[in-house]
């Protein structure tokens, strides 16, 4: 009897490890076996403070990803510069955005709805994109916007601009006088700095009273008159704020128009002979 018990115990000791490992040629199908296999093969998610460097699918677009994954979002500021994959349109912005920097991208068009709900915007910088069109009203609902840069793009026409602008930059575009409304800047009473250099403008636009800086160098301006900066019907009229005017690089000899600068405290920079 004792011998039979010893044999049974020995048999159990040999069979238990064999069963735990699985019979030869037999695949484990239990939940634990499957879970172990999945755990080994599945990619572990990144830690909360660890960047996910998974590659973006080929042909992907920046608009397919959350804005604050592509850009740097700080309190009130969004920095989207040289975004990869290519950013071809204005991204969806957080509601509290006050400052947007989206330079050196491939944005082609500004649509009416791009900034429609972001009434907190104070500065927009879209320098060095591929913008050739801006829909009317794109900046209409931005009551706090003070600084707007559209430099280094492909614009042939300017949209209506917000009333509180203090600085506007459209250097290095394809603008001609017909693409700039005669009163585009005249009613912008807070405008201090206006940059329209390196375009194809043929005439000096009407400028607001408080303008301090006007850059129109390297355009196609061929003529000015006494009413360009001064007033022919008011010999006492002065422009004390206007401290820098650049007209160099235009087919214009400024010495031919001495009466045109009598109201200014400094002479324009440009060709005089």
C-alpha atoms as a PDB file:
ATOM      1  CA  UNK A   1       0.000   0.000   0.000  1.00  0.00           C
ATOM      2  CA  UNK A   2       2.750   2.431   0.906  1.00  0.00           C
ATOM      3  CA  UNK A   3       4.524   1.519  -2.319  1.00  0.00           C
ATOM      4  CA  UNK A   4       1.381   2.383  -4.374  1.00  0.00           C
ATOM      5  CA  UNK A   5       1.058   5.783  -2.677  1.00  0.00           C
ATOM      6  CA  UNK A   6       4.696   6.605  -3.400  1.00  0.00           C
ATOM      7  CA  UNK A   7       4.198   5.703  -7.085  1.00  0.00           C
ATOM      8  CA  UNK A   8       1.077   7.915  -7.316  1.00  0.00           C
ATOM      9  CA  UNK A   9       2.879  10.904  -5.770  1.00  0.00           C
ATOM     10  CA  UNK A  10       5.840  10.460  -8.121  1.00  0.00           C
ATOM     11  CA  UNK A  11       3.507  10.296 -11.140  1.00  0.00           C
ATOM     12  CA  UNK A  12       1.748  13.545 -10.102  1.00  0.00           C
ATOM     13  CA  UNK A  13       5.083  15.322  -9.639  1.00  0.00           C
ATOM     14  CA  UNK A  14       6.047  14.438 -13.208  1.00  0.00           C
ATOM     15  CA  UNK A  15       2.686  15.298 -14.798  1.00  0.00           C
ATOM     16  CA  UNK A  16       2.075  18.766 -13.238  1.00  0.00           C
ATOM     17  CA  UNK A  17       5.061  20.567 -14.928  1.00  0.00           C
ATOM     18  CA  UNK A  18       4.223  18.829 -18.207  1.00  0.00           C
ATOM     19  CA  UNK A  19       0.607  20.067 -18.109  1.00  0.00           C
ATOM     20  CA  UNK A  20       1.620  23.602 -17.074  1.00  0.00           C
ATOM     21  CA  UNK A  21       3.992  23.889 -20.040  1.00  0.00           C
ATOM     22  CA  UNK A  22       1.417  22.463 -22.436  1.00  0.00           C
ATOM     23  CA  UNK A  23       1.460  19.154 -24.133  1.00  0.00           C
ATOM     24  CA  UNK A  24       3.926  18.824 -27.019  1.00  0.00           C
ATOM     25  CA  UNK A  25       2.449  20.080 -30.288  1.00  0.00           C
ATOM     26  CA  UNK A  26      -0.543  21.666 -28.512  1.00  0.00           C
ATOM     27  CA  UNK A  27      -1.115  25.466 -28.685  1.00  0.00           C
ATOM     28  CA  UNK A  28      -2.078  27.317 -25.490  1.00  0.00           C
ATOM     29  CA  UNK A  29      -5.538  28.830 -25.827  1.00  0.00           C
ATOM     30  CA  UNK A  30      -6.296  30.008 -22.336  1.00  0.00           C
ATOM     31  CA  UNK A  31      -7.055  33.695 -21.579  1.00  0.00           C
ATOM     32  CA  UNK A  32      -3.744  34.057 -19.771  1.00  0.00           C
ATOM     33  CA  UNK A  33      -1.766  32.654 -22.687  1.00  0.00           C
ATOM     34  CA  UNK A  34      -3.505  34.950 -25.170  1.00  0.00           C
ATOM     35  CA  UNK A  35      -3.126  37.970 -22.891  1.00  0.00           C
ATOM     36  CA  UNK A  36       0.582  37.259 -22.490  1.00  0.00           C
ATOM     37  CA  UNK A  37       1.048  37.077 -26.261  1.00  0.00           C
ATOM     38  CA  UNK A  38      -0.832  40.357 -26.840  1.00  0.00           C
ATOM     39  CA  UNK A  39       1.084  42.094 -24.079  1.00  0.00           C
ATOM     40  CA  UNK A  40       4.399  41.119 -25.654  1.00  0.00           C
ATOM     41  CA  UNK A  41       3.446  42.224 -29.166  1.00  0.00           C
ATOM     42  CA  UNK A  42       1.395  45.355 -28.449  1.00  0.00           C
ATOM     43  CA  UNK A  43       3.231  48.735 -28.492  1.00  0.00           C
ATOM     44  CA  UNK A  44       3.163  50.311 -25.073  1.00  0.00           C
ATOM     45  CA  UNK A  45       1.657  53.869 -25.082  1.00  0.00           C
ATOM     46  CA  UNK A  46       4.066  56.744 -24.351  1.00  0.00           C
ATOM     47  CA  UNK A  47       4.243  58.140 -20.875  1.00  0.00           C
ATOM     48  CA  UNK A  48       2.277  61.317 -20.167  1.00  0.00           C
ATOM     49  CA  UNK A  49       5.444  63.433 -20.241  1.00  0.00           C
ATOM     50  CA  UNK A  50       7.061  61.584 -23.106  1.00  0.00           C
ATOM     51  CA  UNK A  51       6.678  62.717 -26.744  1.00  0.00           C
ATOM     52  CA  UNK A  52       5.027  60.254 -29.086  1.00  0.00           C
ATOM     53  CA  UNK A  53       7.423  59.903 -32.003  1.00  0.00           C
ATOM     54  CA  UNK A  54       5.211  57.599 -34.058  1.00  0.00           C
ATOM     55  CA  UNK A  55       5.642  58.506 -37.751  1.00  0.00           C
ATOM     56  CA  UNK A  56       2.860  60.428 -39.480  1.00  0.00           C
ATOM     57  CA  UNK A  57       1.330  58.328 -42.285  1.00  0.00           C
ATOM     58  CA  UNK A  58       2.665  59.126 -45.747  1.00  0.00           C
ATOM     59  CA  UNK A  59       0.621  61.827 -47.452  1.00  0.00           C
ATOM     60  CA  UNK A  60      -0.738  63.042 -44.127  1.00  0.00           C
ATOM     61  CA  UNK A  61      -1.780  66.658 -43.681  1.00  0.00           C
ATOM     62  CA  UNK A  62      -1.212  68.894 -40.682  1.00  0.00           C
ATOM     63  CA  UNK A  63      -4.965  69.510 -40.481  1.00  0.00           C
ATOM     64  CA  UNK A  64      -5.481  65.834 -39.624  1.00  0.00           C
ATOM     65  CA  UNK A  65      -3.759  66.349 -36.271  1.00  0.00           C
ATOM     66  CA  UNK A  66      -4.729  68.396 -33.187  1.00  0.00           C
ATOM     67  CA  UNK A  67      -3.407  71.972 -33.331  1.00  0.00           C
ATOM     68  CA  UNK A  68      -1.561  71.784 -30.032  1.00  0.00           C
ATOM     69  CA  UNK A  69       0.174  68.570 -31.113  1.00  0.00           C
ATOM     70  CA  UNK A  70       1.561  70.276 -34.226  1.00  0.00           C
ATOM     71  CA  UNK A  71       2.153  73.674 -32.630  1.00  0.00           C
ATOM     72  CA  UNK A  72       3.395  75.035 -29.339  1.00  0.00           C
ATOM     73  CA  UNK A  73       0.420  76.267 -27.338  1.00  0.00           C
ATOM     74  CA  UNK A  74       1.127  78.493 -24.368  1.00  0.00           C
ATOM     75  CA  UNK A  75      -1.363  80.583 -22.439  1.00  0.00           C
ATOM     76  CA  UNK A  76      -2.930  82.826 -25.085  1.00  0.00           C
ATOM     77  CA  UNK A  77      -0.210  82.149 -27.699  1.00  0.00           C
ATOM     78  CA  UNK A  78       0.022  79.592 -30.506  1.00  0.00           C
ATOM     79  CA  UNK A  79       3.309  79.041 -32.373  1.00  0.00           C
ATOM     80  CA  UNK A  80       2.959  77.099 -35.652  1.00  0.00           C
ATOM     81  CA  UNK A  81       6.207  77.691 -37.544  1.00  0.00           C
ATOM     82  CA  UNK A  82       7.620  75.405 -40.260  1.00  0.00           C
ATOM     83  CA  UNK A  83       5.109  72.713 -39.377  1.00  0.00           C
ATOM     84  CA  UNK A  84       5.651  69.144 -40.597  1.00  0.00           C
ATOM     85  CA  UNK A  85       3.620  67.683 -42.267  1.00  0.00           C
ATOM     86  CA  UNK A  86       2.791  70.739 -44.393  1.00  0.00           C
ATOM     87  CA  UNK A  87       0.275  73.179 -42.937  1.00  0.00           C
ATOM     88  CA  UNK A  88      -1.837  74.359 -45.886  1.00  0.00           C
ATOM     89  CA  UNK A  89      -4.619  76.188 -44.022  1.00  0.00           C
ATOM     90  CA  UNK A  90      -5.107  78.073 -40.773  1.00  0.00           C
ATOM     91  CA  UNK A  91      -5.500  75.463 -38.011  1.00  0.00           C
ATOM     92  CA  UNK A  92      -8.344  75.390 -35.513  1.00  0.00           C
ATOM     93  CA  UNK A  93      -7.279  77.658 -32.667  1.00  0.00           C
ATOM     94  CA  UNK A  94      -8.028  77.486 -28.941  1.00  0.00           C
ATOM     95  CA  UNK A  95     -10.787  79.936 -28.015  1.00  0.00           C
ATOM     96  CA  UNK A  96      -8.525  82.069 -25.807  1.00  0.00           C
ATOM     97  CA  UNK A  97      -5.804  82.634 -28.459  1.00  0.00           C
ATOM     98  CA  UNK A  98      -4.474  86.209 -28.460  1.00  0.00           C
ATOM     99  CA  UNK A  99      -1.254  85.745 -30.450  1.00  0.00           C
ATOM    100  CA  UNK A 100      -0.869  83.521 -33.513  1.00  0.00           C
ATOM    101  CA  UNK A 101       2.492  82.947 -35.187  1.00  0.00           C
ATOM    102  CA  UNK A 102       2.080  80.722 -38.277  1.00  0.00           C
ATOM    103  CA  UNK A 103       5.150  81.712 -40.273  1.00  0.00           C
ATOM    104  CA  UNK A 104       7.054  79.683 -42.873  1.00  0.00           C
ATOM    105  CA  UNK A 105       4.241  77.294 -43.807  1.00  0.00           C
ATOM    106  CA  UNK A 106       2.265  76.580 -46.983  1.00  0.00           C
ATOM    107  CA  UNK A 107      -1.046  78.242 -46.207  1.00  0.00           C
ATOM    108  CA  UNK A 108      -2.713  79.179 -49.510  1.00  0.00           C
ATOM    109  CA  UNK A 109      -5.924  80.946 -48.535  1.00  0.00           C
ATOM    110  CA  UNK A 110      -7.487  82.750 -45.575  1.00  0.00           C
ATOM    111  CA  UNK A 111     -11.192  81.971 -45.246  1.00  0.00           C
ATOM    112  CA  UNK A 112     -13.930  83.957 -43.542  1.00  0.00           C
ATOM    113  CA  UNK A 113     -14.381  81.306 -40.879  1.00  0.00           C
ATOM    114  CA  UNK A 114     -10.712  80.879 -39.972  1.00  0.00           C
ATOM    115  CA  UNK A 115     -10.808  83.482 -37.187  1.00  0.00           C
ATOM    116  CA  UNK A 116     -14.577  83.928 -36.824  1.00  0.00           C
ATOM    117  CA  UNK A 117     -14.819  82.702 -33.229  1.00  0.00           C
ATOM    118  CA  UNK A 118     -11.450  83.931 -31.921  1.00  0.00           C
ATOM    119  CA  UNK A 119     -12.426  87.453 -30.822  1.00  0.00           C
ATOM    120  CA  UNK A 120      -9.455  87.609 -28.423  1.00  0.00           C
ATOM    121  CA  UNK A 121      -6.828  87.833 -31.189  1.00  0.00           C
ATOM    122  CA  UNK A 122      -4.440  90.779 -30.872  1.00  0.00           C
ATOM    123  CA  UNK A 123      -1.653  89.724 -33.223  1.00  0.00           C
ATOM    124  CA  UNK A 124      -1.587  87.520 -36.332  1.00  0.00           C
ATOM    125  CA  UNK A 125       1.689  86.750 -38.103  1.00  0.00           C
ATOM    126  CA  UNK A 126       1.351  84.803 -41.371  1.00  0.00           C
ATOM    127  CA  UNK A 127       4.710  85.809 -42.837  1.00  0.00           C
ATOM    128  CA  UNK A 128       6.262  83.613 -45.529  1.00  0.00           C
ATOM    129  CA  UNK A 129       3.367  81.423 -46.599  1.00  0.00           C
ATOM    130  CA  UNK A 130       1.812  80.962 -50.058  1.00  0.00           C
ATOM    131  CA  UNK A 131      -1.285  83.100 -49.467  1.00  0.00           C
ATOM    132  CA  UNK A 132      -2.795  84.369 -52.719  1.00  0.00           C
ATOM    133  CA  UNK A 133      -6.366  84.986 -51.581  1.00  0.00           C
ATOM    134  CA  UNK A 134      -8.082  86.356 -48.487  1.00  0.00           C
ATOM    135  CA  UNK A 135     -11.857  86.204 -48.400  1.00  0.00           C
ATOM    136  CA  UNK A 136     -13.757  89.403 -47.628  1.00  0.00           C
ATOM    137  CA  UNK A 137     -14.561  89.594 -43.959  1.00  0.00           C
ATOM    138  CA  UNK A 138     -11.753  87.256 -42.875  1.00  0.00           C
ATOM    139  CA  UNK A 139     -10.615  89.825 -40.287  1.00  0.00           C
ATOM    140  CA  UNK A 140     -13.955  91.581 -39.811  1.00  0.00           C
ATOM    141  CA  UNK A 141     -14.850  90.110 -36.417  1.00  0.00           C
ATOM    142  CA  UNK A 142     -11.551  90.765 -34.665  1.00  0.00           C
ATOM    143  CA  UNK A 143     -12.200  93.898 -32.577  1.00  0.00           C
ATOM    144  CA  UNK A 144      -8.938  93.603 -30.604  1.00  0.00           C
ATOM    145  CA  UNK A 145      -6.550  92.914 -33.498  1.00  0.00           C
ATOM    146  CA  UNK A 146      -3.677  95.412 -33.445  1.00  0.00           C
ATOM    147  CA  UNK A 147      -0.874  93.794 -35.452  1.00  0.00           C
ATOM    148  CA  UNK A 148      -1.201  91.908 -38.733  1.00  0.00           C
ATOM    149  CA  UNK A 149       1.644  90.622 -40.900  1.00  0.00           C
ATOM    150  CA  UNK A 150       1.011  89.178 -44.359  1.00  0.00           C
ATOM    151  CA  UNK A 151       4.560  89.774 -45.602  1.00  0.00           C
ATOM    152  CA  UNK A 152       6.261  87.447 -48.075  1.00  0.00           C
ATOM    153  CA  UNK A 153       3.145  85.987 -49.649  1.00  0.00           C
ATOM    154  CA  UNK A 154       1.451  86.155 -53.084  1.00  0.00           C
ATOM    155  CA  UNK A 155      -1.332  88.659 -52.498  1.00  0.00           C
ATOM    156  CA  UNK A 156      -2.695  90.740 -55.374  1.00  0.00           C
ATOM    157  CA  UNK A 157      -5.534  92.269 -53.344  1.00  0.00           C
ATOM    158  CA  UNK A 158      -5.995  93.385 -49.748  1.00  0.00           C
ATOM    159  CA  UNK A 159      -9.148  92.641 -47.741  1.00  0.00           C
ATOM    160  CA  UNK A 160     -10.905  95.043 -45.392  1.00  0.00           C
ATOM    161  CA  UNK A 161      -8.750  95.590 -42.315  1.00  0.00           C
ATOM    162  CA  UNK A 162      -9.793  95.833 -38.644  1.00  0.00           C
ATOM    163  CA  UNK A 163     -10.310  99.362 -37.341  1.00  0.00           C
ATOM    164  CA  UNK A 164      -7.905  99.088 -34.394  1.00  0.00           C
ATOM    165  CA  UNK A 165      -4.796  98.025 -36.312  1.00  0.00           C
ATOM    166  CA  UNK A 166      -1.626  99.772 -35.182  1.00  0.00           C
ATOM    167  CA  UNK A 167       0.784  97.890 -37.472  1.00  0.00           C
ATOM    168  CA  UNK A 168       0.231  96.310 -40.895  1.00  0.00           C
ATOM    169  CA  UNK A 169       2.908  94.568 -42.948  1.00  0.00           C
ATOM    170  CA  UNK A 170       2.353  93.438 -46.544  1.00  0.00           C
ATOM    171  CA  UNK A 171       5.943  93.680 -47.780  1.00  0.00           C
ATOM    172  CA  UNK A 172       7.024  91.367 -50.591  1.00  0.00           C
ATOM    173  CA  UNK A 173       3.722  90.548 -52.234  1.00  0.00           C
ATOM    174  CA  UNK A 174       2.276  91.140 -55.719  1.00  0.00           C
ATOM    175  CA  UNK A 175       0.110  94.140 -54.846  1.00  0.00           C
ATOM    176  CA  UNK A 176      -0.811  96.796 -57.383  1.00  0.00           C
ATOM    177  CA  UNK A 177      -2.788  99.976 -56.769  1.00  0.00           C
ATOM    178  CA  UNK A 178      -5.959  98.397 -58.194  1.00  0.00           C
ATOM    179  CA  UNK A 179      -5.723  95.732 -55.508  1.00  0.00           C
ATOM    180  CA  UNK A 180      -5.606  98.277 -52.674  1.00  0.00           C
ATOM    181  CA  UNK A 181      -8.772 100.292 -52.078  1.00  0.00           C
ATOM    182  CA  UNK A 182      -8.199 104.048 -51.972  1.00  0.00           C
ATOM    183  CA  UNK A 183      -9.564 104.220 -48.426  1.00  0.00           C
ATOM    184  CA  UNK A 184      -8.008 100.955 -47.221  1.00  0.00           C
ATOM    185  CA  UNK A 185      -5.879 102.741 -44.595  1.00  0.00           C
ATOM    186  CA  UNK A 186      -7.392 106.222 -44.329  1.00  0.00           C
ATOM    187  CA  UNK A 187      -9.970 105.244 -41.697  1.00  0.00           C
ATOM    188  CA  UNK A 188      -7.522 103.270 -39.559  1.00  0.00           C
ATOM    189  CA  UNK A 189      -7.035 106.057 -37.052  1.00  0.00           C
ATOM    190  CA  UNK A 190      -4.765 103.993 -34.777  1.00  0.00           C
ATOM    191  CA  UNK A 191      -2.424 102.833 -37.548  1.00  0.00           C
ATOM    192  CA  UNK A 192       1.167 103.850 -36.755  1.00  0.00           C
ATOM    193  CA  UNK A 193       3.260 101.585 -39.008  1.00  0.00           C
ATOM    194  CA  UNK A 194       2.463 100.682 -42.616  1.00  0.00           C
ATOM    195  CA  UNK A 195       4.806  98.443 -44.619  1.00  0.00           C
ATOM    196  CA  UNK A 196       4.104  97.959 -48.349  1.00  0.00           C
ATOM    197  CA  UNK A 197       7.640  97.638 -49.728  1.00  0.00           C
ATOM    198  CA  UNK A 198       8.634  95.399 -52.631  1.00  0.00           C
ATOM    199  CA  UNK A 199       5.292  95.274 -54.409  1.00  0.00           C
ATOM    200  CA  UNK A 200       4.040  96.728 -57.699  1.00  0.00           C
ATOM    201  CA  UNK A 201       2.092  99.700 -56.340  1.00  0.00           C
ATOM    202  CA  UNK A 202       1.839 102.692 -58.711  1.00  0.00           C
ATOM    203  CA  UNK A 203       0.632 105.405 -56.328  1.00  0.00           C
ATOM    204  CA  UNK A 204       0.928 106.356 -52.659  1.00  0.00           C
ATOM    205  CA  UNK A 205      -2.314 105.315 -50.930  1.00  0.00           C
ATOM    206  CA  UNK A 206      -4.258 107.659 -48.674  1.00  0.00           C
ATOM    207  CA  UNK A 207      -2.769 107.436 -45.202  1.00  0.00           C
ATOM    208  CA  UNK A 208      -4.223 108.184 -41.746  1.00  0.00           C
ATOM    209  CA  UNK A 209      -3.283 111.264 -39.763  1.00  0.00           C
ATOM    210  CA  UNK A 210      -1.354 109.522 -36.991  1.00  0.00           C
ATOM    211  CA  UNK A 211       0.862 107.346 -39.183  1.00  0.00           C
ATOM    212  CA  UNK A 212       4.516 107.372 -38.074  1.00  0.00           C
ATOM    213  CA  UNK A 213       6.238 104.963 -40.486  1.00  0.00           C
ATOM    214  CA  UNK A 214       5.495 104.425 -44.173  1.00  0.00           C
ATOM    215  CA  UNK A 215       7.579 102.010 -46.269  1.00  0.00           C
ATOM    216  CA  UNK A 216       6.891 102.044 -50.018  1.00  0.00           C
ATOM    217  CA  UNK A 217      10.368 101.345 -51.342  1.00  0.00           C
ATOM    218  CA  UNK A 218      10.844  99.223 -54.460  1.00  0.00           C
ATOM    219  CA  UNK A 219       7.448  99.767 -56.052  1.00  0.00           C
ATOM    220  CA  UNK A 220       6.362 101.408 -59.335  1.00  0.00           C
ATOM    221  CA  UNK A 221       5.391 104.850 -58.009  1.00  0.00           C
ATOM    222  CA  UNK A 222       6.019 107.492 -60.693  1.00  0.00           C
ATOM    223  CA  UNK A 223       4.218 110.540 -59.339  1.00  0.00           C
ATOM    224  CA  UNK A 224       3.165 112.363 -56.164  1.00  0.00           C
ATOM    225  CA  UNK A 225       1.464 115.711 -55.528  1.00  0.00           C
ATOM    226  CA  UNK A 226       0.957 118.187 -52.703  1.00  0.00           C
ATOM    227  CA  UNK A 227      -2.072 116.260 -51.440  1.00  0.00           C
ATOM    228  CA  UNK A 228      -0.167 112.987 -51.125  1.00  0.00           C
ATOM    229  CA  UNK A 229       1.131 113.971 -47.680  1.00  0.00           C
ATOM    230  CA  UNK A 230      -0.021 117.586 -47.194  1.00  0.00           C
ATOM    231  CA  UNK A 231      -3.121 119.631 -48.012  1.00  0.00           C
ATOM    232  CA  UNK A 232      -3.205 122.091 -50.885  1.00  0.00           C
ATOM    233  CA  UNK A 233      -6.019 124.101 -49.261  1.00  0.00           C
ATOM    234  CA  UNK A 234      -4.335 124.430 -45.858  1.00  0.00           C
ATOM    235  CA  UNK A 235      -0.878 126.010 -45.757  1.00  0.00           C
ATOM    236  CA  UNK A 236      -0.712 125.577 -41.965  1.00  0.00           C
ATOM    237  CA  UNK A 237      -1.349 121.865 -42.044  1.00  0.00           C
ATOM    238  CA  UNK A 238       1.387 119.758 -40.403  1.00  0.00           C
ATOM    239  CA  UNK A 239       2.141 116.052 -40.057  1.00  0.00           C
ATOM    240  CA  UNK A 240       4.271 115.912 -36.888  1.00  0.00           C
ATOM    241  CA  UNK A 241       3.784 112.170 -36.405  1.00  0.00           C
ATOM    242  CA  UNK A 242       5.119 111.071 -39.782  1.00  0.00           C
ATOM    243  CA  UNK A 243       8.808 110.502 -39.030  1.00  0.00           C
ATOM    244  CA  UNK A 244       9.898 107.951 -41.652  1.00  0.00           C
ATOM    245  CA  UNK A 245       8.866 107.685 -45.299  1.00  0.00           C
ATOM    246  CA  UNK A 246      10.750 105.428 -47.711  1.00  0.00           C
ATOM    247  CA  UNK A 247      10.245 105.926 -51.442  1.00  0.00           C
ATOM    248  CA  UNK A 248      13.634 104.709 -52.615  1.00  0.00           C
ATOM    249  CA  UNK A 249      13.678 102.176 -55.422  1.00  0.00           C
ATOM    250  CA  UNK A 250      10.763 103.843 -57.266  1.00  0.00           C
ATOM    251  CA  UNK A 251      10.969 105.552 -60.712  1.00  0.00           C
ATOM    252  CA  UNK A 252      10.417 108.872 -58.978  1.00  0.00           C
ATOM    253  CA  UNK A 253      12.617 111.992 -58.626  1.00  0.00           C
ATOM    254  CA  UNK A 254      11.528 113.599 -55.372  1.00  0.00           C
ATOM    255  CA  UNK A 255      13.193 116.959 -56.027  1.00  0.00           C
ATOM    256  CA  UNK A 256      10.522 117.671 -58.636  1.00  0.00           C
ATOM    257  CA  UNK A 257       7.896 117.936 -55.895  1.00  0.00           C
ATOM    258  CA  UNK A 258       9.294 120.293 -53.214  1.00  0.00           C
ATOM    259  CA  UNK A 259       5.857 121.505 -52.097  1.00  0.00           C
ATOM    260  CA  UNK A 260       4.744 117.944 -51.394  1.00  0.00           C
ATOM    261  CA  UNK A 261       6.800 117.710 -48.206  1.00  0.00           C
ATOM    262  CA  UNK A 262       6.262 121.141 -46.624  1.00  0.00           C
ATOM    263  CA  UNK A 263       4.024 119.732 -43.894  1.00  0.00           C
ATOM    264  CA  UNK A 264       6.504 117.017 -42.868  1.00  0.00           C
ATOM    265  CA  UNK A 265       9.279 117.319 -40.308  1.00  0.00           C
ATOM    266  CA  UNK A 266      11.587 115.000 -42.314  1.00  0.00           C
ATOM    267  CA  UNK A 267      12.116 114.480 -46.030  1.00  0.00           C
ATOM    268  CA  UNK A 268      11.291 111.081 -47.543  1.00  0.00           C
ATOM    269  CA  UNK A 269      14.118 108.690 -48.277  1.00  0.00           C
ATOM    270  CA  UNK A 270      14.490 108.330 -52.026  1.00  0.00           C
ATOM    271  CA  UNK A 271      15.994 109.652 -55.219  1.00  0.00           C
ATOM    272  CA  UNK A 272      16.392 113.413 -55.511  1.00  0.00           C
ATOM    273  CA  UNK A 273      18.368 113.682 -58.723  1.00  0.00           C
END
